């Protein structure tokens, strides 16, 4: 792909950028070098490489959920004096 002033102006218009002539002249060689780097990567032999969507293997590090005995309402409220109608009683907020 040829990168020239018109290409840069088209991309700038799509991006809603107002570029000066100096900026355009700076971007042309930069974009050419970026595209050259990608063209080298594109030439790499990847025939025997499986696609990888995660750079690091994803595995579940959490424990399995197990249903266990939990506190009853009375046991949960047994150590507090701030309770009302079977619930914890908190300070008033305005």
PDB file of N, CA and C in Angstrom:
ATOM      1  N   UNK A   1       0.852  -1.184   0.000  1.00  0.00           N
ATOM      2  CA  UNK A   1       0.000   0.000   0.000  1.00  0.00           C
ATOM      3  C   UNK A   1       0.890   1.236   0.000  1.00  0.00           C
ATOM      4  N   UNK A   2       0.563   2.142  -0.857  1.00  0.00           N
ATOM      5  CA  UNK A   2       1.353   3.370  -0.943  1.00  0.00           C
ATOM      6  C   UNK A   2       0.804   4.399   0.041  1.00  0.00           C
ATOM      7  N   UNK A   3       1.704   4.932   0.845  1.00  0.00           N
ATOM      8  CA  UNK A   3       1.333   5.966   1.803  1.00  0.00           C
ATOM      9  C   UNK A   3       1.804   7.306   1.250  1.00  0.00           C
ATOM     10  N   UNK A   4       0.857   8.190   1.009  1.00  0.00           N
ATOM     11  CA  UNK A   4       1.195   9.518   0.509  1.00  0.00           C
ATOM     12  C   UNK A   4       0.348  10.556   1.245  1.00  0.00           C
ATOM     13  N   UNK A   5       0.467  11.767   0.825  1.00  0.00           N
ATOM     14  CA  UNK A   5      -0.224  12.860   1.502  1.00  0.00           C
ATOM     15  C   UNK A   5      -1.745  12.673   1.461  1.00  0.00           C
ATOM     16  N   UNK A   6      -2.265  12.196   0.331  1.00  0.00           N
ATOM     17  CA  UNK A   6      -3.707  11.997   0.203  1.00  0.00           C
ATOM     18  C   UNK A   6      -4.200  10.925   1.177  1.00  0.00           C
ATOM     19  N   UNK A   7      -3.409   9.862   1.348  1.00  0.00           N
ATOM     20  CA  UNK A   7      -3.789   8.802   2.280  1.00  0.00           C
ATOM     21  C   UNK A   7      -3.857   9.348   3.700  1.00  0.00           C
ATOM     22  N   UNK A   8      -2.845  10.117   4.069  1.00  0.00           N
ATOM     23  CA  UNK A   8      -2.818  10.704   5.413  1.00  0.00           C
ATOM     24  C   UNK A   8      -3.995  11.657   5.607  1.00  0.00           C
ATOM     25  N   UNK A   9      -4.296  12.468   4.608  1.00  0.00           N
ATOM     26  CA  UNK A   9      -5.418  13.404   4.702  1.00  0.00           C
ATOM     27  C   UNK A   9      -6.746  12.657   4.819  1.00  0.00           C
ATOM     28  N   UNK A  10      -6.880  11.531   4.109  1.00  0.00           N
ATOM     29  CA  UNK A  10      -8.101  10.733   4.193  1.00  0.00           C
ATOM     30  C   UNK A  10      -8.268  10.154   5.597  1.00  0.00           C
ATOM     31  N   UNK A  11      -7.201   9.599   6.150  1.00  0.00           N
ATOM     32  CA  UNK A  11      -7.256   9.051   7.507  1.00  0.00           C
ATOM     33  C   UNK A  11      -7.526  10.166   8.514  1.00  0.00           C
ATOM     34  N   UNK A  12      -6.906  11.310   8.332  1.00  0.00           N
ATOM     35  CA  UNK A  12      -7.111  12.441   9.238  1.00  0.00           C
ATOM     36  C   UNK A  12      -8.561  12.923   9.179  1.00  0.00           C
ATOM     37  N   UNK A  13      -9.142  12.938   8.000  1.00  0.00           N
ATOM     38  CA  UNK A  13     -10.532  13.368   7.865  1.00  0.00           C
ATOM     39  C   UNK A  13     -11.461  12.377   8.563  1.00  0.00           C
ATOM     40  N   UNK A  14     -11.197  11.066   8.397  1.00  0.00           N
ATOM     41  CA  UNK A  14     -12.017  10.054   9.067  1.00  0.00           C
ATOM     42  C   UNK A  14     -11.878  10.139  10.578  1.00  0.00           C
ATOM     43  N   UNK A  15     -10.704  10.553  11.051  1.00  0.00           N
ATOM     44  CA  UNK A  15     -10.443  10.664  12.481  1.00  0.00           C
ATOM     45  C   UNK A  15     -10.789  12.041  13.026  1.00  0.00           C
ATOM     46  N   UNK A  16     -11.232  12.912  12.152  1.00  0.00           N
ATOM     47  CA  UNK A  16     -11.566  14.293  12.505  1.00  0.00           C
ATOM     48  C   UNK A  16     -10.379  15.022  13.127  1.00  0.00           C
ATOM     49  N   UNK A  17      -9.221  14.855  12.469  1.00  0.00           N
ATOM     50  CA  UNK A  17      -8.001  15.534  12.900  1.00  0.00           C
ATOM     51  C   UNK A  17      -7.653  16.623  11.907  1.00  0.00           C
ATOM     52  N   UNK A  18      -7.222  17.737  12.422  1.00  0.00           N
ATOM     53  CA  UNK A  18      -6.717  18.812  11.577  1.00  0.00           C
ATOM     54  C   UNK A  18      -5.205  18.776  11.646  1.00  0.00           C
ATOM     55  N   UNK A  19      -4.564  18.272  10.600  1.00  0.00           N
ATOM     56  CA  UNK A  19      -3.114  18.142  10.588  1.00  0.00           C
ATOM     57  C   UNK A  19      -2.485  19.245   9.756  1.00  0.00           C
ATOM     58  N   UNK A  20      -1.347  19.718  10.216  1.00  0.00           N
ATOM     59  CA  UNK A  20      -0.588  20.698   9.446  1.00  0.00           C
ATOM     60  C   UNK A  20       0.256  19.944   8.415  1.00  0.00           C
ATOM     61  N   UNK A  21       0.790  20.695   7.449  1.00  0.00           N
ATOM     62  CA  UNK A  21       1.660  20.070   6.440  1.00  0.00           C
ATOM     63  C   UNK A  21       2.893  19.459   7.088  1.00  0.00           C
ATOM     64  N   UNK A  22       3.398  20.091   8.128  1.00  0.00           N
ATOM     65  CA  UNK A  22       4.563  19.564   8.836  1.00  0.00           C
ATOM     66  C   UNK A  22       4.229  18.212   9.476  1.00  0.00           C
ATOM     67  N   UNK A  23       3.047  18.118  10.103  1.00  0.00           N
ATOM     68  CA  UNK A  23       2.632  16.858  10.735  1.00  0.00           C
ATOM     69  C   UNK A  23       2.426  15.761   9.695  1.00  0.00           C
ATOM     70  N   UNK A  24       1.839  16.126   8.581  1.00  0.00           N
ATOM     71  CA  UNK A  24       1.625  15.150   7.507  1.00  0.00           C
ATOM     72  C   UNK A  24       2.960  14.604   7.017  1.00  0.00           C
ATOM     73  N   UNK A  25       3.909  15.482   6.799  1.00  0.00           N
ATOM     74  CA  UNK A  25       5.231  15.048   6.328  1.00  0.00           C
ATOM     75  C   UNK A  25       5.965  14.205   7.367  1.00  0.00           C
ATOM     76  N   UNK A  26       5.679  14.416   8.658  1.00  0.00           N
ATOM     77  CA  UNK A  26       6.278  13.579   9.704  1.00  0.00           C
ATOM     78  C   UNK A  26       5.611  12.203   9.747  1.00  0.00           C
ATOM     79  N   UNK A  27       4.303  12.160   9.516  1.00  0.00           N
ATOM     80  CA  UNK A  27       3.563  10.895   9.631  1.00  0.00           C
ATOM     81  C   UNK A  27       3.831   9.941   8.469  1.00  0.00           C
ATOM     82  N   UNK A  28       4.100  10.444   7.298  1.00  0.00           N
ATOM     83  CA  UNK A  28       4.291   9.568   6.131  1.00  0.00           C
ATOM     84  C   UNK A  28       5.381   8.527   6.378  1.00  0.00           C
ATOM     85  N   UNK A  29       6.612   8.898   6.757  1.00  0.00           N
ATOM     86  CA  UNK A  29       7.626   7.853   6.985  1.00  0.00           C
ATOM     87  C   UNK A  29       7.322   6.975   8.200  1.00  0.00           C
ATOM     88  N   UNK A  30       6.674   7.546   9.205  1.00  0.00           N
ATOM     89  CA  UNK A  30       6.341   6.757  10.387  1.00  0.00           C
ATOM     90  C   UNK A  30       5.335   5.651  10.050  1.00  0.00           C
ATOM     91  N   UNK A  31       4.313   6.003   9.311  1.00  0.00           N
ATOM     92  CA  UNK A  31       3.302   5.009   8.947  1.00  0.00           C
ATOM     93  C   UNK A  31       3.887   3.980   7.991  1.00  0.00           C
ATOM     94  N   UNK A  32       4.757   4.415   7.088  1.00  0.00           N
ATOM     95  CA  UNK A  32       5.417   3.459   6.194  1.00  0.00           C
ATOM     96  C   UNK A  32       6.230   2.442   6.984  1.00  0.00           C
ATOM     97  N   UNK A  33       6.955   2.880   8.010  1.00  0.00           N
ATOM     98  CA  UNK A  33       7.766   1.943   8.794  1.00  0.00           C
ATOM     99  C   UNK A  33       6.883   0.987   9.599  1.00  0.00           C
ATOM    100  N   UNK A  34       5.764   1.472  10.081  1.00  0.00           N
ATOM    101  CA  UNK A  34       4.831   0.599  10.813  1.00  0.00           C
ATOM    102  C   UNK A  34       4.271  -0.470   9.885  1.00  0.00           C
ATOM    103  N   UNK A  35       3.848  -0.083   8.691  1.00  0.00           N
ATOM    104  CA  UNK A  35       3.297  -1.048   7.739  1.00  0.00           C
ATOM    105  C   UNK A  35       4.363  -2.030   7.260  1.00  0.00           C
ATOM    106  N   UNK A  36       5.620  -1.580   7.135  1.00  0.00           N
ATOM    107  CA  UNK A  36       6.713  -2.486   6.775  1.00  0.00           C
ATOM    108  C   UNK A  36       6.918  -3.534   7.858  1.00  0.00           C
ATOM    109  N   UNK A  37       6.834  -3.132   9.115  1.00  0.00           N
ATOM    110  CA  UNK A  37       6.992  -4.079  10.218  1.00  0.00           C
ATOM    111  C   UNK A  37       5.878  -5.118  10.188  1.00  0.00           C
ATOM    112  N   UNK A  38       4.661  -4.701   9.931  1.00  0.00           N
ATOM    113  CA  UNK A  38       3.549  -5.656   9.861  1.00  0.00           C
ATOM    114  C   UNK A  38       3.678  -6.573   8.654  1.00  0.00           C
ATOM    115  N   UNK A  39       4.222  -6.081   7.552  1.00  0.00           N
ATOM    116  CA  UNK A  39       4.391  -6.951   6.387  1.00  0.00           C
ATOM    117  C   UNK A  39       5.439  -8.025   6.667  1.00  0.00           C
ATOM    118  N   UNK A  40       6.456  -7.726   7.490  1.00  0.00           N
ATOM    119  CA  UNK A  40       7.438  -8.746   7.878  1.00  0.00           C
ATOM    120  C   UNK A  40       6.788  -9.797   8.765  1.00  0.00           C
ATOM    121  N   UNK A  41       5.951  -9.369   9.688  1.00  0.00           N
ATOM    122  CA  UNK A  41       5.249 -10.312  10.563  1.00  0.00           C
ATOM    123  C   UNK A  41       4.328 -11.201   9.737  1.00  0.00           C
ATOM    124  N   UNK A  42       3.698 -10.627   8.728  1.00  0.00           N
ATOM    125  CA  UNK A  42       2.760 -11.371   7.895  1.00  0.00           C
ATOM    126  C   UNK A  42       3.450 -12.504   7.137  1.00  0.00           C
ATOM    127  N   UNK A  43       4.749 -12.363   6.859  1.00  0.00           N
ATOM    128  CA  UNK A  43       5.498 -13.378   6.113  1.00  0.00           C
ATOM    129  C   UNK A  43       5.935 -14.549   6.985  1.00  0.00           C
ATOM    130  N   UNK A  44       5.748 -14.477   8.290  1.00  0.00           N
ATOM    131  CA  UNK A  44       6.167 -15.551   9.196  1.00  0.00           C
ATOM    132  C   UNK A  44       5.362 -16.820   8.916  1.00  0.00           C
ATOM    133  N   UNK A  45       6.036 -17.967   8.985  1.00  0.00           N
ATOM    134  CA  UNK A  45       5.398 -19.254   8.734  1.00  0.00           C
ATOM    135  C   UNK A  45       4.609 -19.678   9.979  1.00  0.00           C
ATOM    136  N   UNK A  46       3.312 -19.736   9.842  1.00  0.00           N
ATOM    137  CA  UNK A  46       2.446 -20.099  10.963  1.00  0.00           C
ATOM    138  C   UNK A  46       1.596 -21.321  10.642  1.00  0.00           C
ATOM    139  N   UNK A  47       2.075 -22.179   9.748  1.00  0.00           N
ATOM    140  CA  UNK A  47       1.292 -23.346   9.318  1.00  0.00           C
ATOM    141  C   UNK A  47       0.996 -24.301  10.465  1.00  0.00           C
ATOM    142  N   UNK A  48       1.966 -24.563  11.341  1.00  0.00           N
ATOM    143  CA  UNK A  48       1.790 -25.549  12.400  1.00  0.00           C
ATOM    144  C   UNK A  48       1.482 -24.901  13.756  1.00  0.00           C
ATOM    145  N   UNK A  49       1.089 -23.655  13.745  1.00  0.00           N
ATOM    146  CA  UNK A  49       0.794 -22.940  14.986  1.00  0.00           C
ATOM    147  C   UNK A  49      -0.714 -22.824  15.140  1.00  0.00           C
ATOM    148  N   UNK A  50      -1.202 -23.297  16.294  1.00  0.00           N
ATOM    149  CA  UNK A  50      -2.637 -23.178  16.545  1.00  0.00           C
ATOM    150  C   UNK A  50      -2.976 -21.767  17.000  1.00  0.00           C
ATOM    151  N   UNK A  51      -4.163 -21.272  16.659  1.00  0.00           N
ATOM    152  CA  UNK A  51      -4.550 -19.934  17.100  1.00  0.00           C
ATOM    153  C   UNK A  51      -4.621 -19.853  18.624  1.00  0.00           C
ATOM    154  N   UNK A  52      -4.199 -18.735  19.141  1.00  0.00           N
ATOM    155  CA  UNK A  52      -4.237 -18.519  20.584  1.00  0.00           C
ATOM    156  C   UNK A  52      -4.968 -17.210  20.842  1.00  0.00           C
ATOM    157  N   UNK A  53      -6.022 -17.315  21.602  1.00  0.00           N
ATOM    158  CA  UNK A  53      -6.806 -16.124  21.894  1.00  0.00           C
ATOM    159  C   UNK A  53      -6.432 -15.528  23.231  1.00  0.00           C
ATOM    160  N   UNK A  54      -5.668 -16.260  24.032  1.00  0.00           N
ATOM    161  CA  UNK A  54      -5.194 -15.785  25.320  1.00  0.00           C
ATOM    162  C   UNK A  54      -3.685 -16.003  25.377  1.00  0.00           C
ATOM    163  N   UNK A  55      -2.898 -14.972  25.670  1.00  0.00           N
ATOM    164  CA  UNK A  55      -1.443 -15.167  25.741  1.00  0.00           C
ATOM    165  C   UNK A  55      -1.026 -16.040  26.922  1.00  0.00           C
ATOM    166  N   UNK A  56      -1.840 -16.087  27.953  1.00  0.00           N
ATOM    167  CA  UNK A  56      -1.564 -16.900  29.131  1.00  0.00           C
ATOM    168  C   UNK A  56      -2.752 -17.839  29.308  1.00  0.00           C
ATOM    169  N   UNK A  57      -2.474 -19.095  29.632  1.00  0.00           N
ATOM    170  CA  UNK A  57      -3.548 -20.068  29.798  1.00  0.00           C
ATOM    171  C   UNK A  57      -4.528 -19.595  30.864  1.00  0.00           C
ATOM    172  N   UNK A  58      -5.804 -19.662  30.534  1.00  0.00           N
ATOM    173  CA  UNK A  58      -6.846 -19.253  31.461  1.00  0.00           C
ATOM    174  C   UNK A  58      -7.336 -20.492  32.190  1.00  0.00           C
ATOM    175  N   UNK A  59      -7.272 -20.447  33.511  1.00  0.00           N
ATOM    176  CA  UNK A  59      -7.808 -21.551  34.295  1.00  0.00           C
ATOM    177  C   UNK A  59      -8.475 -20.999  35.538  1.00  0.00           C
ATOM    178  N   UNK A  60      -9.420 -21.737  36.041  1.00  0.00           N
ATOM    179  CA  UNK A  60     -10.181 -21.314  37.200  1.00  0.00           C
ATOM    180  C   UNK A  60      -9.327 -21.488  38.456  1.00  0.00           C
ATOM    181  N   UNK A  61      -9.065 -20.400  39.166  1.00  0.00           N
ATOM    182  CA  UNK A  61      -8.242 -20.463  40.368  1.00  0.00           C
ATOM    183  C   UNK A  61      -9.096 -20.438  41.635  1.00  0.00           C
ATOM    184  N   UNK A  62     -10.393 -20.410  41.466  1.00  0.00           N
ATOM    185  CA  UNK A  62     -11.283 -20.367  42.616  1.00  0.00           C
ATOM    186  C   UNK A  62     -11.682 -21.778  43.029  1.00  0.00           C
ATOM    187  N   UNK A  63     -12.010 -21.928  44.266  1.00  0.00           N
ATOM    188  CA  UNK A  63     -12.440 -23.235  44.760  1.00  0.00           C
ATOM    189  C   UNK A  63     -13.849 -23.523  44.285  1.00  0.00           C
ATOM    190  N   UNK A  64     -14.202 -24.780  44.304  1.00  0.00           N
ATOM    191  CA  UNK A  64     -15.541 -25.180  43.925  1.00  0.00           C
ATOM    192  C   UNK A  64     -16.522 -24.791  45.028  1.00  0.00           C
ATOM    193  N   UNK A  65     -17.688 -24.310  44.645  1.00  0.00           N
ATOM    194  CA  UNK A  65     -18.697 -23.944  45.641  1.00  0.00           C
ATOM    195  C   UNK A  65     -19.245 -25.201  46.304  1.00  0.00           C
ATOM    196  N   UNK A  66     -19.277 -25.178  47.618  1.00  0.00           N
ATOM    197  CA  UNK A  66     -19.835 -26.292  48.380  1.00  0.00           C
ATOM    198  C   UNK A  66     -20.866 -25.738  49.355  1.00  0.00           C
ATOM    199  N   UNK A  67     -21.995 -26.389  49.425  1.00  0.00           N
ATOM    200  CA  UNK A  67     -23.030 -25.976  50.367  1.00  0.00           C
ATOM    201  C   UNK A  67     -22.637 -26.511  51.733  1.00  0.00           C
ATOM    202  N   UNK A  68     -22.513 -25.622  52.694  1.00  0.00           N
ATOM    203  CA  UNK A  68     -22.139 -26.007  54.048  1.00  0.00           C
ATOM    204  C   UNK A  68     -23.128 -25.394  55.032  1.00  0.00           C
ATOM    205  N   UNK A  69     -23.080 -25.864  56.244  1.00  0.00           N
ATOM    206  CA  UNK A  69     -23.954 -25.344  57.285  1.00  0.00           C
ATOM    207  C   UNK A  69     -23.565 -23.891  57.578  1.00  0.00           C
ATOM    208  N   UNK A  70     -24.559 -23.027  57.641  1.00  0.00           N
ATOM    209  CA  UNK A  70     -24.287 -21.625  57.953  1.00  0.00           C
ATOM    210  C   UNK A  70     -24.983 -21.260  59.263  1.00  0.00           C
ATOM    211  N   UNK A  71     -24.724 -20.046  59.701  1.00  0.00           N
ATOM    212  CA  UNK A  71     -25.322 -19.590  60.964  1.00  0.00           C
ATOM    213  C   UNK A  71     -26.820 -19.391  60.812  1.00  0.00           C
ATOM    214  N   UNK A  72     -27.541 -19.661  61.872  1.00  0.00           N
ATOM    215  CA  UNK A  72     -28.962 -19.329  61.890  1.00  0.00           C
ATOM    216  C   UNK A  72     -29.078 -17.835  62.179  1.00  0.00           C
ATOM    217  N   UNK A  73     -30.259 -17.312  62.029  1.00  0.00           N
ATOM    218  CA  UNK A  73     -30.464 -15.896  62.298  1.00  0.00           C
ATOM    219  C   UNK A  73     -30.182 -15.578  63.765  1.00  0.00           C
ATOM    220  N   UNK A  74     -30.594 -16.442  64.638  1.00  0.00           N
ATOM    221  CA  UNK A  74     -30.354 -16.222  66.064  1.00  0.00           C
ATOM    222  C   UNK A  74     -28.862 -16.261  66.387  1.00  0.00           C
ATOM    223  N   UNK A  75     -28.128 -17.209  65.792  1.00  0.00           N
ATOM    224  CA  UNK A  75     -26.685 -17.304  66.034  1.00  0.00           C
ATOM    225  C   UNK A  75     -25.960 -16.065  65.509  1.00  0.00           C
ATOM    226  N   UNK A  76     -26.376 -15.565  64.351  1.00  0.00           N
ATOM    227  CA  UNK A  76     -25.736 -14.386  63.776  1.00  0.00           C
ATOM    228  C   UNK A  76     -25.958 -13.152  64.640  1.00  0.00           C
ATOM    229  N   UNK A  77     -27.116 -13.046  65.245  1.00  0.00           N
ATOM    230  CA  UNK A  77     -27.449 -11.873  66.053  1.00  0.00           C
ATOM    231  C   UNK A  77     -27.098 -12.041  67.529  1.00  0.00           C
ATOM    232  N   UNK A  78     -26.570 -13.195  67.923  1.00  0.00           N
ATOM    233  CA  UNK A  78     -26.351 -13.487  69.340  1.00  0.00           C
ATOM    234  C   UNK A  78     -25.303 -12.594  70.007  1.00  0.00           C
ATOM    235  N   UNK A  79     -24.346 -12.064  69.293  1.00  0.00           N
ATOM    236  CA  UNK A  79     -23.272 -11.275  69.908  1.00  0.00           C
ATOM    237  C   UNK A  79     -23.452  -9.774  69.778  1.00  0.00           C
ATOM    238  N   UNK A  80     -24.617  -9.317  69.375  1.00  0.00           N
ATOM    239  CA  UNK A  80     -24.834  -7.880  69.254  1.00  0.00           C
ATOM    240  C   UNK A  80     -26.022  -7.447  70.095  1.00  0.00           C
ATOM    241  N   UNK A  81     -25.921  -6.224  70.611  1.00  0.00           N
ATOM    242  CA  UNK A  81     -27.065  -5.667  71.313  1.00  0.00           C
ATOM    243  C   UNK A  81     -27.855  -4.735  70.396  1.00  0.00           C
ATOM    244  N   UNK A  82     -27.316  -4.492  69.200  1.00  0.00           N
ATOM    245  CA  UNK A  82     -27.972  -3.609  68.230  1.00  0.00           C
ATOM    246  C   UNK A  82     -28.761  -4.448  67.233  1.00  0.00           C
ATOM    247  N   UNK A  83     -29.944  -4.889  67.638  1.00  0.00           N
ATOM    248  CA  UNK A  83     -30.792  -5.690  66.773  1.00  0.00           C
ATOM    249  C   UNK A  83     -32.243  -5.283  66.985  1.00  0.00           C
ATOM    250  N   UNK A  84     -33.034  -5.480  65.954  1.00  0.00           N
ATOM    251  CA  UNK A  84     -34.449  -5.149  66.042  1.00  0.00           C
ATOM    252  C   UNK A  84     -35.196  -6.001  65.020  1.00  0.00           C
ATOM    253  N   UNK A  85     -36.223  -6.671  65.443  1.00  0.00           N
ATOM    254  CA  UNK A  85     -37.086  -7.484  64.580  1.00  0.00           C
ATOM    255  C   UNK A  85     -36.301  -8.518  63.768  1.00  0.00           C
ATOM    256  N   UNK A  86     -35.237  -9.094  64.353  1.00  0.00           N
ATOM    257  CA  UNK A  86     -34.482 -10.142  63.675  1.00  0.00           C
ATOM    258  C   UNK A  86     -33.430  -9.641  62.707  1.00  0.00           C
ATOM    259  N   UNK A  87     -33.097  -8.344  62.734  1.00  0.00           N
ATOM    260  CA  UNK A  87     -32.100  -7.765  61.833  1.00  0.00           C
ATOM    261  C   UNK A  87     -31.089  -6.954  62.641  1.00  0.00           C
ATOM    262  N   UNK A  88     -29.911  -6.707  62.068  1.00  0.00           N
ATOM    263  CA  UNK A  88     -28.949  -5.800  62.691  1.00  0.00           C
ATOM    264  C   UNK A  88     -29.507  -4.395  62.598  1.00  0.00           C
ATOM    265  N   UNK A  89     -29.340  -3.616  63.663  1.00  0.00           N
ATOM    266  CA  UNK A  89     -29.826  -2.247  63.689  1.00  0.00           C
ATOM    267  C   UNK A  89     -28.628  -1.328  63.536  1.00  0.00           C
ATOM    268  N   UNK A  90     -28.683  -0.438  62.544  1.00  0.00           N
ATOM    269  CA  UNK A  90     -27.582   0.490  62.292  1.00  0.00           C
ATOM    270  C   UNK A  90     -27.957   1.893  62.678  1.00  0.00           C
ATOM    271  N   UNK A  91     -26.993   2.818  62.595  1.00  0.00           N
ATOM    272  CA  UNK A  91     -27.277   4.211  62.948  1.00  0.00           C
ATOM    273  C   UNK A  91     -28.203   4.851  61.907  1.00  0.00           C
ATOM    274  N   UNK A  92     -28.932   5.861  62.361  1.00  0.00           N
ATOM    275  CA  UNK A  92     -29.828   6.597  61.462  1.00  0.00           C
ATOM    276  C   UNK A  92     -28.990   7.392  60.471  1.00  0.00           C
ATOM    277  N   UNK A  93     -29.477   7.474  59.254  1.00  0.00           N
ATOM    278  CA  UNK A  93     -28.842   8.328  58.241  1.00  0.00           C
ATOM    279  C   UNK A  93     -29.876   9.283  57.696  1.00  0.00           C
ATOM    280  N   UNK A  94     -29.442  10.467  57.391  1.00  0.00           N
ATOM    281  CA  UNK A  94     -30.367  11.472  56.859  1.00  0.00           C
ATOM    282  C   UNK A  94     -30.033  11.791  55.453  1.00  0.00           C
TER     283      UNK A  94
END
